[in-house]
PDB file of all heavy atoms in Angstrom:
ATOM      1  N   LEU A   1     -59.568  69.663   4.346  1.00  0.00           N
ATOM      2  CA  LEU A   1     -59.606  69.945   2.914  1.00  0.00           C
ATOM      3  C   LEU A   1     -58.832  68.910   2.107  1.00  0.00           C
ATOM      4  O   LEU A   1     -59.108  68.687   0.926  1.00  0.00           O
ATOM      5  CB  LEU A   1     -59.021  71.338   2.638  1.00  0.00           C
ATOM      6  CG  LEU A   1     -59.930  72.533   2.917  1.00  0.00           C
ATOM      7  CD1 LEU A   1     -59.140  73.824   2.790  1.00  0.00           C
ATOM      8  CD2 LEU A   1     -61.116  72.548   1.954  1.00  0.00           C
ATOM      9  N   SER A   2     -57.844  68.273   2.727  1.00  0.00           N
ATOM     10  CA  SER A   2     -57.029  67.223   2.087  1.00  0.00           C
ATOM     11  C   SER A   2     -56.416  67.699   0.768  1.00  0.00           C
ATOM     12  O   SER A   2     -56.425  66.970  -0.234  1.00  0.00           O
ATOM     13  CB  SER A   2     -57.881  65.967   1.828  1.00  0.00           C
ATOM     14  OG  SER A   2     -58.312  65.401   3.035  1.00  0.00           O
ATOM     15  N   LEU A   3     -55.887  68.902   0.765  1.00  0.00           N
ATOM     16  CA  LEU A   3     -55.240  69.397  -0.443  1.00  0.00           C
ATOM     17  C   LEU A   3     -53.962  68.598  -0.721  1.00  0.00           C
ATOM     18  O   LEU A   3     -53.181  68.312   0.193  1.00  0.00           O
ATOM     19  CB  LEU A   3     -54.910  70.880  -0.306  1.00  0.00           C
ATOM     20  CG  LEU A   3     -56.116  71.826  -0.168  1.00  0.00           C
ATOM     21  CD1 LEU A   3     -55.638  73.268  -0.122  1.00  0.00           C
ATOM     22  CD2 LEU A   3     -57.107  71.627  -1.314  1.00  0.00           C
ATOM     23  N   ILE A   4     -53.763  68.266  -1.984  1.00  0.00           N
ATOM     24  CA  ILE A   4     -52.616  67.430  -2.359  1.00  0.00           C
ATOM     25  C   ILE A   4     -51.303  68.145  -2.066  1.00  0.00           C
ATOM     26  O   ILE A   4     -50.365  67.552  -1.540  1.00  0.00           O
ATOM     27  CB  ILE A   4     -52.687  67.066  -3.854  1.00  0.00           C
ATOM     28  CG1 ILE A   4     -53.963  66.280  -4.147  1.00  0.00           C
ATOM     29  CG2 ILE A   4     -51.467  66.261  -4.266  1.00  0.00           C
ATOM     30  CD1 ILE A   4     -54.219  66.060  -5.623  1.00  0.00           C
ATOM     31  N   THR A   5     -51.236  69.444  -2.407  1.00  0.00           N
ATOM     32  CA  THR A   5     -49.963  70.154  -2.266  1.00  0.00           C
ATOM     33  C   THR A   5     -49.697  70.615  -0.838  1.00  0.00           C
ATOM     34  O   THR A   5     -48.687  71.267  -0.576  1.00  0.00           O
ATOM     35  CB  THR A   5     -49.899  71.366  -3.222  1.00  0.00           C
ATOM     36  OG1 THR A   5     -50.934  72.292  -2.904  1.00  0.00           O
ATOM     37  CG2 THR A   5     -50.039  70.914  -4.665  1.00  0.00           C
ATOM     38  N   ALA A   6     -50.595  70.281   0.078  1.00  0.00           N
ATOM     39  CA  ALA A   6     -50.312  70.532   1.493  1.00  0.00           C
ATOM     40  C   ALA A   6     -49.436  69.416   2.061  1.00  0.00           C
ATOM     41  O   ALA A   6     -48.848  69.552   3.133  1.00  0.00           O
ATOM     42  CB  ALA A   6     -51.607  70.628   2.285  1.00  0.00           C
ATOM     43  N   LYS A   7     -49.331  68.309   1.341  1.00  0.00           N
ATOM     44  CA  LYS A   7     -48.566  67.153   1.811  1.00  0.00           C
ATOM     45  C   LYS A   7     -47.075  67.399   1.622  1.00  0.00           C
ATOM     46  O   LYS A   7     -46.652  68.066   0.670  1.00  0.00           O
ATOM     47  CB  LYS A   7     -48.989  65.893   1.043  1.00  0.00           C
ATOM     48  CG  LYS A   7     -50.479  65.596   1.118  1.00  0.00           C
ATOM     49  CD  LYS A   7     -50.846  64.395   0.264  1.00  0.00           C
ATOM     50  CE  LYS A   7     -52.362  64.267   0.116  1.00  0.00           C
ATOM     51  NZ  LYS A   7     -53.049  64.084   1.387  1.00  0.00           N
ATOM     52  N   ARG A   8     -46.285  66.855   2.501  1.00  0.00           N
ATOM     53  CA  ARG A   8     -44.836  66.978   2.383  1.00  0.00           C
ATOM     54  C   ARG A   8     -44.339  66.084   1.252  1.00  0.00           C
ATOM     55  O   ARG A   8     -44.937  65.053   0.938  1.00  0.00           O
ATOM     56  CB  ARG A   8     -44.158  66.613   3.703  1.00  0.00           C
ATOM     57  CG  ARG A   8     -44.542  67.545   4.840  1.00  0.00           C
ATOM     58  CD  ARG A   8     -43.753  67.240   6.091  1.00  0.00           C
ATOM     59  NE  ARG A   8     -42.342  67.555   5.928  1.00  0.00           N
ATOM     60  CZ  ARG A   8     -41.413  67.328   6.860  1.00  0.00           C
ATOM     61  NH1 ARG A   8     -41.756  66.774   8.006  1.00  0.00           N
ATOM     62  NH2 ARG A   8     -40.160  67.644   6.660  1.00  0.00           N
ATOM     63  N   VAL A   9     -43.214  66.484   0.634  1.00  0.00           N
ATOM     64  CA  VAL A   9     -42.688  65.780  -0.527  1.00  0.00           C
ATOM     65  C   VAL A   9     -41.256  65.316  -0.280  1.00  0.00           C
ATOM     66  O   VAL A   9     -40.444  66.041   0.304  1.00  0.00           O
ATOM     67  CB  VAL A   9     -42.712  66.688  -1.776  1.00  0.00           C
ATOM     68  CG1 VAL A   9     -42.091  65.980  -2.984  1.00  0.00           C
ATOM     69  CG2 VAL A   9     -44.138  67.111  -2.103  1.00  0.00           C
ATOM     70  N   LEU A  10     -40.969  64.097  -0.704  1.00  0.00           N
ATOM     71  CA  LEU A  10     -39.606  63.562  -0.742  1.00  0.00           C
ATOM     72  C   LEU A  10     -39.272  63.327  -2.208  1.00  0.00           C
ATOM     73  O   LEU A  10     -40.011  62.639  -2.911  1.00  0.00           O
ATOM     74  CB  LEU A  10     -39.526  62.248   0.036  1.00  0.00           C
ATOM     75  CG  LEU A  10     -38.279  61.388  -0.190  1.00  0.00           C
ATOM     76  CD1 LEU A  10     -37.029  62.099   0.315  1.00  0.00           C
ATOM     77  CD2 LEU A  10     -38.430  60.027   0.496  1.00  0.00           C
ATOM     78  N   TYR A  11     -38.176  63.918  -2.676  1.00  0.00           N
ATOM     79  CA  TYR A  11     -37.757  63.723  -4.063  1.00  0.00           C
ATOM     80  C   TYR A  11     -36.790  62.541  -4.153  1.00  0.00           C
ATOM     81  O   TYR A  11     -35.780  62.495  -3.437  1.00  0.00           O
ATOM     82  CB  TYR A  11     -37.095  64.989  -4.610  1.00  0.00           C
ATOM     83  CG  TYR A  11     -38.066  66.135  -4.770  1.00  0.00           C
ATOM     84  CD1 TYR A  11     -38.148  67.150  -3.807  1.00  0.00           C
ATOM     85  CD2 TYR A  11     -38.922  66.187  -5.859  1.00  0.00           C
ATOM     86  CE1 TYR A  11     -39.055  68.189  -3.946  1.00  0.00           C
ATOM     87  CE2 TYR A  11     -39.839  67.234  -6.006  1.00  0.00           C
ATOM     88  CZ  TYR A  11     -39.895  68.222  -5.045  1.00  0.00           C
ATOM     89  OH  TYR A  11     -40.811  69.249  -5.180  1.00  0.00           O
ATOM     90  N   VAL A  12     -37.117  61.580  -5.008  1.00  0.00           N
ATOM     91  CA  VAL A  12     -36.276  60.404  -5.223  1.00  0.00           C
ATOM     92  C   VAL A  12     -35.699  60.493  -6.629  1.00  0.00           C
ATOM     93  O   VAL A  12     -36.440  60.425  -7.617  1.00  0.00           O
ATOM     94  CB  VAL A  12     -37.074  59.096  -5.054  1.00  0.00           C
ATOM     95  CG1 VAL A  12     -36.170  57.894  -5.278  1.00  0.00           C
ATOM     96  CG2 VAL A  12     -37.719  59.037  -3.681  1.00  0.00           C
ATOM     97  N   MET A  13     -34.385  60.676  -6.725  1.00  0.00           N
ATOM     98  CA  MET A  13     -33.721  60.803  -8.018  1.00  0.00           C
ATOM     99  C   MET A  13     -33.336  59.418  -8.522  1.00  0.00           C
ATOM    100  O   MET A  13     -32.563  58.719  -7.866  1.00  0.00           O
ATOM    101  CB  MET A  13     -32.468  61.673  -7.889  1.00  0.00           C
ATOM    102  CG  MET A  13     -32.716  63.061  -7.352  1.00  0.00           C
ATOM    103  SD  MET A  13     -31.208  64.085  -7.315  1.00  0.00           S
ATOM    104  CE  MET A  13     -30.161  63.143  -6.183  1.00  0.00           C
ATOM    105  N   ASN A  14     -33.874  59.011  -9.663  1.00  0.00           N
ATOM    106  CA  ASN A  14     -33.500  57.741 -10.276  1.00  0.00           C
ATOM    107  C   ASN A  14     -32.258  57.988 -11.122  1.00  0.00           C
ATOM    108  O   ASN A  14     -32.319  58.666 -12.152  1.00  0.00           O
ATOM    109  CB  ASN A  14     -34.650  57.209 -11.136  1.00  0.00           C
ATOM    110  CG  ASN A  14     -34.442  55.759 -11.543  1.00  0.00           C
ATOM    111  OD1 ASN A  14     -33.469  55.127 -11.152  1.00  0.00           O
ATOM    112  ND2 ASN A  14     -35.362  55.239 -12.334  1.00  0.00           N
ATOM    113  N   VAL A  15     -31.115  57.458 -10.674  1.00  0.00           N
ATOM    114  CA  VAL A  15     -29.811  57.832 -11.234  1.00  0.00           C
ATOM    115  C   VAL A  15     -29.194  56.704 -12.063  1.00  0.00           C
ATOM    116  O   VAL A  15     -29.667  55.570 -12.069  1.00  0.00           O
ATOM    117  CB  VAL A  15     -28.843  58.249 -10.105  1.00  0.00           C
ATOM    118  CG1 VAL A  15     -29.385  59.438  -9.335  1.00  0.00           C
ATOM    119  CG2 VAL A  15     -28.560  57.078  -9.154  1.00  0.00           C
ATOM    120  N   ASP A  16     -28.109  57.059 -12.750  1.00  0.00           N
ATOM    121  CA  ASP A  16     -27.357  56.081 -13.548  1.00  0.00           C
ATOM    122  C   ASP A  16     -26.631  55.087 -12.661  1.00  0.00           C
ATOM    123  O   ASP A  16     -26.309  55.380 -11.492  1.00  0.00           O
ATOM    124  CB  ASP A  16     -26.322  56.799 -14.425  1.00  0.00           C
ATOM    125  CG  ASP A  16     -26.947  57.540 -15.589  1.00  0.00           C
ATOM    126  OD1 ASP A  16     -27.746  56.911 -16.319  1.00  0.00           O
ATOM    127  OD2 ASP A  16     -26.642  58.736 -15.778  1.00  0.00           O
ATOM    128  N   GLU A  17     -26.312  53.931 -13.235  1.00  0.00           N
ATOM    129  CA  GLU A  17     -25.589  52.887 -12.505  1.00  0.00           C
ATOM    130  C   GLU A  17     -24.182  53.329 -12.117  1.00  0.00           C
ATOM    131  O   GLU A  17     -23.609  52.799 -11.165  1.00  0.00           O
ATOM    132  CB  GLU A  17     -25.522  51.607 -13.350  1.00  0.00           C
ATOM    133  CG  GLU A  17     -26.889  50.966 -13.595  1.00  0.00           C
ATOM    134  CD  GLU A  17     -26.799  49.740 -14.469  1.00  0.00           C
ATOM    135  OE1 GLU A  17     -26.120  48.777 -14.072  1.00  0.00           O
ATOM    136  OE2 GLU A  17     -27.409  49.739 -15.554  1.00  0.00           O
ATOM    137  N   ASP A  18     -23.597  54.275 -12.875  1.00  0.00           N
ATOM    138  CA  ASP A  18     -22.249  54.748 -12.553  1.00  0.00           C
ATOM    139  C   ASP A  18     -22.276  56.093 -11.820  1.00  0.00           C
ATOM    140  O   ASP A  18     -21.265  56.792 -11.745  1.00  0.00           O
ATOM    141  CB  ASP A  18     -21.391  54.838 -13.813  1.00  0.00           C
ATOM    142  CG  ASP A  18     -21.979  55.781 -14.868  1.00  0.00           C
ATOM    143  OD1 ASP A  18     -23.071  56.338 -14.612  1.00  0.00           O
ATOM    144  OD2 ASP A  18     -21.359  55.958 -15.931  1.00  0.00           O
ATOM    145  N   ASP A  19     -23.430  56.466 -11.304  1.00  0.00           N
ATOM    146  CA  ASP A  19     -23.562  57.728 -10.550  1.00  0.00           C
ATOM    147  C   ASP A  19     -24.482  57.503  -9.356  1.00  0.00           C
ATOM    148  O   ASP A  19     -25.488  58.189  -9.190  1.00  0.00           O
ATOM    149  CB  ASP A  19     -24.106  58.830 -11.460  1.00  0.00           C
ATOM    150  CG  ASP A  19     -24.130  60.199 -10.783  1.00  0.00           C
ATOM    151  OD1 ASP A  19     -23.315  60.427  -9.864  1.00  0.00           O
ATOM    152  OD2 ASP A  19     -24.992  61.024 -11.147  1.00  0.00           O
ATOM    153  N   LEU A  20     -24.147  56.522  -8.532  1.00  0.00           N
ATOM    154  CA  LEU A  20     -25.043  56.100  -7.451  1.00  0.00           C
ATOM    155  C   LEU A  20     -25.239  57.168  -6.381  1.00  0.00           C
ATOM    156  O   LEU A  20     -26.231  57.142  -5.653  1.00  0.00           O
ATOM    157  CB  LEU A  20     -24.514  54.810  -6.811  1.00  0.00           C
ATOM    158  CG  LEU A  20     -24.436  53.597  -7.746  1.00  0.00           C
ATOM    159  CD1 LEU A  20     -23.947  52.360  -6.977  1.00  0.00           C
ATOM    160  CD2 LEU A  20     -25.780  53.313  -8.403  1.00  0.00           C
ATOM    161  N   GLN A  21     -24.321  58.117  -6.274  1.00  0.00           N
ATOM    162  CA  GLN A  21     -24.463  59.194  -5.291  1.00  0.00           C
ATOM    163  C   GLN A  21     -25.237  60.380  -5.860  1.00  0.00           C
ATOM    164  O   GLN A  21     -25.518  61.339  -5.147  1.00  0.00           O
ATOM    165  CB  GLN A  21     -23.083  59.653  -4.800  1.00  0.00           C
ATOM    166  CG  GLN A  21     -22.248  58.548  -4.165  1.00  0.00           C
ATOM    167  CD  GLN A  21     -22.951  57.885  -3.005  1.00  0.00           C
ATOM    168  OE1 GLN A  21     -23.565  58.557  -2.182  1.00  0.00           O
ATOM    169  NE2 GLN A  21     -22.867  56.565  -2.921  1.00  0.00           N
ATOM    170  N   GLY A  22     -25.576  60.318  -7.141  1.00  0.00           N
ATOM    171  CA  GLY A  22     -26.362  61.394  -7.747  1.00  0.00           C
ATOM    172  C   GLY A  22     -25.608  62.699  -7.826  1.00  0.00           C
ATOM    173  O   GLY A  22     -26.035  63.707  -7.265  1.00  0.00           O
ATOM    174  N   GLN A  23     -24.483  62.701  -8.567  1.00  0.00           N
ATOM    175  CA  GLN A  23     -23.645  63.897  -8.648  1.00  0.00           C
ATOM    176  C   GLN A  23     -23.681  64.578 -10.009  1.00  0.00           C
ATOM    177  O   GLN A  23     -22.993  65.575 -10.216  1.00  0.00           O
ATOM    178  CB  GLN A  23     -22.195  63.517  -8.306  1.00  0.00           C
ATOM    179  CG  GLN A  23     -22.003  62.976  -6.900  1.00  0.00           C
ATOM    180  CD  GLN A  23     -22.413  63.971  -5.830  1.00  0.00           C
ATOM    181  OE1 GLN A  23     -22.166  65.173  -5.955  1.00  0.00           O
ATOM    182  NE2 GLN A  23     -23.053  63.491  -4.774  1.00  0.00           N
ATOM    183  N   ASN A  24     -24.446  64.043 -10.974  1.00  0.00           N
ATOM    184  CA  ASN A  24     -24.454  64.684 -12.294  1.00  0.00           C
ATOM    185  C   ASN A  24     -25.218  66.009 -12.264  1.00  0.00           C
ATOM    186  O   ASN A  24     -25.829  66.372 -11.254  1.00  0.00           O
ATOM    187  CB  ASN A  24     -24.992  63.726 -13.379  1.00  0.00           C
ATOM    188  CG  ASN A  24     -26.487  63.443 -13.256  1.00  0.00           C
ATOM    189  OD1 ASN A  24     -27.246  64.205 -12.647  1.00  0.00           O
ATOM    190  ND2 ASN A  24     -26.926  62.348 -13.841  1.00  0.00           N
ATOM    191  N   GLU A  25     -25.168  66.725 -13.368  1.00  0.00           N
ATOM    192  CA  GLU A  25     -25.760  68.065 -13.410  1.00  0.00           C
ATOM    193  C   GLU A  25     -27.274  68.037 -13.198  1.00  0.00           C
ATOM    194  O   GLU A  25     -27.845  68.948 -12.597  1.00  0.00           O
ATOM    195  CB  GLU A  25     -25.426  68.746 -14.743  1.00  0.00           C
ATOM    196  CG  GLU A  25     -23.966  69.127 -14.887  1.00  0.00           C
ATOM    197  CD  GLU A  25     -23.482  70.040 -13.770  1.00  0.00           C
ATOM    198  OE1 GLU A  25     -24.196  71.006 -13.451  1.00  0.00           O
ATOM    199  OE2 GLU A  25     -22.404  69.773 -13.207  1.00  0.00           O
ATOM    200  N   LEU A  26     -27.938  66.989 -13.691  1.00  0.00           N
ATOM    201  CA  LEU A  26     -29.377  66.873 -13.499  1.00  0.00           C
ATOM    202  C   LEU A  26     -29.704  66.754 -12.012  1.00  0.00           C
ATOM    203  O   LEU A  26     -30.633  67.391 -11.509  1.00  0.00           O
ATOM    204  CB  LEU A  26     -29.912  65.647 -14.248  1.00  0.00           C
ATOM    205  CG  LEU A  26     -29.707  65.613 -15.763  1.00  0.00           C
ATOM    206  CD1 LEU A  26     -30.281  64.322 -16.347  1.00  0.00           C
ATOM    207  CD2 LEU A  26     -30.348  66.824 -16.426  1.00  0.00           C
ATOM    208  N   CYS A  27     -28.914  65.942 -11.305  1.00  0.00           N
ATOM    209  CA  CYS A  27     -29.135  65.739  -9.871  1.00  0.00           C
ATOM    210  C   CYS A  27     -28.883  67.016  -9.080  1.00  0.00           C
ATOM    211  O   CYS A  27     -29.593  67.310  -8.109  1.00  0.00           O
ATOM    212  CB  CYS A  27     -28.242  64.617  -9.349  1.00  0.00           C
ATOM    213  SG  CYS A  27     -28.662  62.977  -9.993  1.00  0.00           S
ATOM    214  N   LYS A  28     -27.874  67.773  -9.490  1.00  0.00           N
ATOM    215  CA  LYS A  28     -27.563  69.021  -8.780  1.00  0.00           C
ATOM    216  C   LYS A  28     -28.753  69.983  -8.830  1.00  0.00           C
ATOM    217  O   LYS A  28     -29.047  70.684  -7.858  1.00  0.00           O
ATOM    218  CB  LYS A  28     -26.319  69.664  -9.384  1.00  0.00           C
ATOM    219  CG  LYS A  28     -25.028  68.908  -9.075  1.00  0.00           C
ATOM    220  CD  LYS A  28     -23.827  69.561  -9.746  1.00  0.00           C
ATOM    221  CE  LYS A  28     -22.545  68.767  -9.461  1.00  0.00           C
ATOM    222  NZ  LYS A  28     -21.381  69.347 -10.165  1.00  0.00           N
ATOM    223  N   LYS A  29     -29.439  70.005  -9.972  1.00  0.00           N
ATOM    224  CA  LYS A  29     -30.613  70.877 -10.093  1.00  0.00           C
ATOM    225  C   LYS A  29     -31.739  70.429  -9.166  1.00  0.00           C
ATOM    226  O   LYS A  29     -32.412  71.252  -8.539  1.00  0.00           O
ATOM    227  CB  LYS A  29     -31.100  70.879 -11.549  1.00  0.00           C
ATOM    228  CG  LYS A  29     -30.137  71.548 -12.518  1.00  0.00           C
ATOM    229  CD  LYS A  29     -30.673  71.481 -13.939  1.00  0.00           C
ATOM    230  CE  LYS A  29     -29.702  72.141 -14.925  1.00  0.00           C
ATOM    231  NZ  LYS A  29     -30.205  72.050 -16.317  1.00  0.00           N
ATOM    232  N   VAL A  30     -31.934  69.115  -9.085  1.00  0.00           N
ATOM    233  CA  VAL A  30     -32.996  68.587  -8.218  1.00  0.00           C
ATOM    234  C   VAL A  30     -32.673  68.862  -6.757  1.00  0.00           C
ATOM    235  O   VAL A  30     -33.543  69.232  -5.968  1.00  0.00           O
ATOM    236  CB  VAL A  30     -33.196  67.076  -8.455  1.00  0.00           C
ATOM    237  CG1 VAL A  30     -34.240  66.521  -7.489  1.00  0.00           C
ATOM    238  CG2 VAL A  30     -33.635  66.816  -9.895  1.00  0.00           C
ATOM    239  N   ARG A  31     -31.398  68.675  -6.392  1.00  0.00           N
ATOM    240  CA  ARG A  31     -30.989  68.942  -5.004  1.00  0.00           C
ATOM    241  C   ARG A  31     -31.250  70.408  -4.631  1.00  0.00           C
ATOM    242  O   ARG A  31     -31.734  70.705  -3.533  1.00  0.00           O
ATOM    243  CB  ARG A  31     -29.503  68.616  -4.819  1.00  0.00           C
ATOM    244  CG  ARG A  31     -29.171  67.128  -4.868  1.00  0.00           C
ATOM    245  CD  ARG A  31     -27.681  66.907  -4.628  1.00  0.00           C
ATOM    246  NE  ARG A  31     -27.287  65.539  -4.853  1.00  0.00           N
ATOM    247  CZ  ARG A  31     -27.432  64.549  -3.979  1.00  0.00           C
ATOM    248  NH1 ARG A  31     -27.978  64.815  -2.801  1.00  0.00           N
ATOM    249  NH2 ARG A  31     -27.038  63.323  -4.267  1.00  0.00           N
ATOM    250  N   ALA A  32     -30.921  71.306  -5.539  1.00  0.00           N
ATOM    251  CA  ALA A  32     -31.130  72.741  -5.264  1.00  0.00           C
ATOM    252  C   ALA A  32     -32.614  73.040  -5.100  1.00  0.00           C
ATOM    253  O   ALA A  32     -33.007  73.809  -4.210  1.00  0.00           O
ATOM    254  CB  ALA A  32     -30.525  73.574  -6.390  1.00  0.00           C
TER     255      ALA A  32
END
């Protein structure tokens, strides 16, 4: 069937230059 949402997903957070570990509140929501 090749359904799109059957595929596994990796989330890549594009972060600020001073937050390279992705610790801001926006990143915390994505991690959760």
